[in-house]
Amino acid sequence: MDGFKVMKMVDAAKVGDFFVTVTGCKDVITEKAFMNMKDGAILCNAGHFDCEVDVAGLKKLSVESKLARKTILTVISFQTVIGCMLSARADL
């Protein structure tokens, strides 16, 4: 990670614009991180598993969500708009 500052996800959410998960680990991006994300942040799960992003928590915070394309869910929360590309979601 030469040249990149490593930090906890809740802290990175405050400064990042794009978030891409490829870990395969459970709950990498959760409600606490969503609450810290900037308006218009883009969130993408590029891994093979759908457990990295807490989609249920994201939907809980949202006032509206819609399927923009087959694998892209747009979620509008009370404070931010997040485009989620959830390519590993079986239900999308």
Protein backbone atom coordinates (compact mmCIF):
# COMPACT_ATOMS: atom_id res chain seq x y z
CA MET A 1 0.00 0.00 0.00
CA ASP A 2 2.90 2.31 -0.76
CA GLY A 3 1.68 5.89 -0.78
CA PHE A 4 -1.76 5.12 0.64
CA LYS A 5 -2.86 5.79 4.19
CA VAL A 6 -4.40 2.71 5.80
CA MET A 7 -7.29 3.40 8.18
CA LYS A 8 -10.49 1.90 9.55
CA MET A 9 -13.48 1.88 7.19
CA VAL A 10 -15.50 4.31 9.34
CA ASP A 11 -12.64 6.81 9.06
CA ALA A 12 -12.03 6.20 5.35
CA ALA A 13 -15.74 6.79 4.69
CA LYS A 14 -15.30 10.42 5.77
CA VAL A 15 -12.68 11.17 3.11
CA GLY A 16 -13.31 8.75 0.26
CA ASP A 17 -15.42 9.21 -2.85
CA PHE A 18 -15.27 5.65 -4.24
CA PHE A 19 -15.39 2.46 -2.20
CA VAL A 20 -14.69 -0.91 -3.82
CA THR A 21 -14.76 -4.15 -1.83
CA VAL A 22 -12.96 -7.24 -3.09
CA THR A 23 -12.09 -8.94 0.20
CA GLY A 24 -14.67 -11.71 0.52
CA CYS A 25 -14.86 -10.80 4.22
CA LYS A 26 -18.18 -10.24 5.97
CA ASP A 27 -19.41 -6.73 6.86
CA VAL A 28 -16.53 -4.70 5.45
CA ILE A 29 -18.82 -1.69 4.88
CA THR A 30 -21.60 -1.30 7.45
CA GLU A 31 -24.12 1.27 8.67
CA LYS A 32 -21.48 3.17 10.65
CA ALA A 33 -19.48 3.72 7.47
CA PHE A 34 -22.60 4.67 5.45
CA MET A 35 -23.36 7.37 8.01
CA ASN A 36 -19.91 8.90 7.41
CA MET A 37 -19.92 8.82 3.60
CA LYS A 38 -20.00 12.00 1.55
CA ASP A 39 -22.98 12.98 -0.54
CA GLY A 40 -22.75 11.19 -3.88
CA ALA A 41 -20.30 8.50 -2.74
CA ILE A 42 -20.03 5.46 -5.03
CA LEU A 43 -19.97 2.00 -3.51
CA CYS A 44 -19.08 -1.15 -5.43
CA ASN A 45 -18.79 -4.80 -4.48
CA ALA A 46 -16.47 -6.29 -7.08
CA GLY A 47 -15.85 -9.55 -5.25
CA HIS A 48 -17.50 -12.92 -5.71
CA PHE A 49 -19.48 -12.74 -2.47
CA ASP A 50 -22.35 -10.49 -1.43
CA CYS A 51 -21.52 -10.35 2.28
CA GLU A 52 -19.00 -7.50 2.18
CA VAL A 53 -21.54 -4.65 1.99
CA ASP A 54 -24.35 -4.49 4.55
CA VAL A 55 -27.12 -4.04 1.98
CA ALA A 56 -29.87 -4.55 4.59
CA GLY A 57 -28.34 -1.78 6.72
CA LEU A 58 -28.04 0.47 3.69
CA LYS A 59 -31.68 -0.08 2.77
CA LYS A 60 -32.68 0.57 6.39
CA LEU A 61 -31.10 4.02 6.18
CA SER A 62 -32.65 4.78 2.81
CA VAL A 63 -35.77 6.70 1.98
CA GLU A 64 -35.79 5.28 -1.54
CA SER A 65 -33.99 2.65 -3.57
CA LYS A 66 -34.34 1.58 -7.16
CA LEU A 67 -32.72 -0.84 -9.53
CA ALA A 68 -30.93 1.36 -12.06
CA ARG A 69 -29.64 -1.61 -14.06
CA LYS A 70 -29.55 -5.34 -13.54
CA THR A 71 -26.63 -5.12 -11.08
CA ILE A 72 -26.79 -1.49 -9.96
CA LEU A 73 -28.92 -0.45 -7.02
CA THR A 74 -29.28 3.28 -6.37
CA VAL A 75 -30.06 4.07 -2.77
CA ILE A 76 -31.13 7.49 -1.52
CA SER A 77 -30.70 7.94 2.22
CA PHE A 78 -31.52 10.89 4.41
CA GLN A 79 -28.03 12.35 3.93
CA THR A 80 -26.39 10.83 0.89
CA VAL A 81 -26.88 9.21 -2.49
CA ILE A 82 -24.88 6.05 -2.96
CA GLY A 83 -24.67 4.08 -6.18
CA CYS A 84 -24.11 0.44 -5.32
CA MET A 85 -22.87 -1.94 -7.96
CA LEU A 86 -23.64 -5.26 -6.35
CA SER A 87 -22.52 -7.68 -9.02
CA ALA A 88 -22.46 -10.68 -6.67
CA ARG A 89 -26.03 -10.25 -5.43
CA ALA A 90 -28.03 -13.29 -6.40
CA ASP A 91 -31.34 -11.48 -5.93
CA LEU A 92 -30.54 -8.61 -8.35
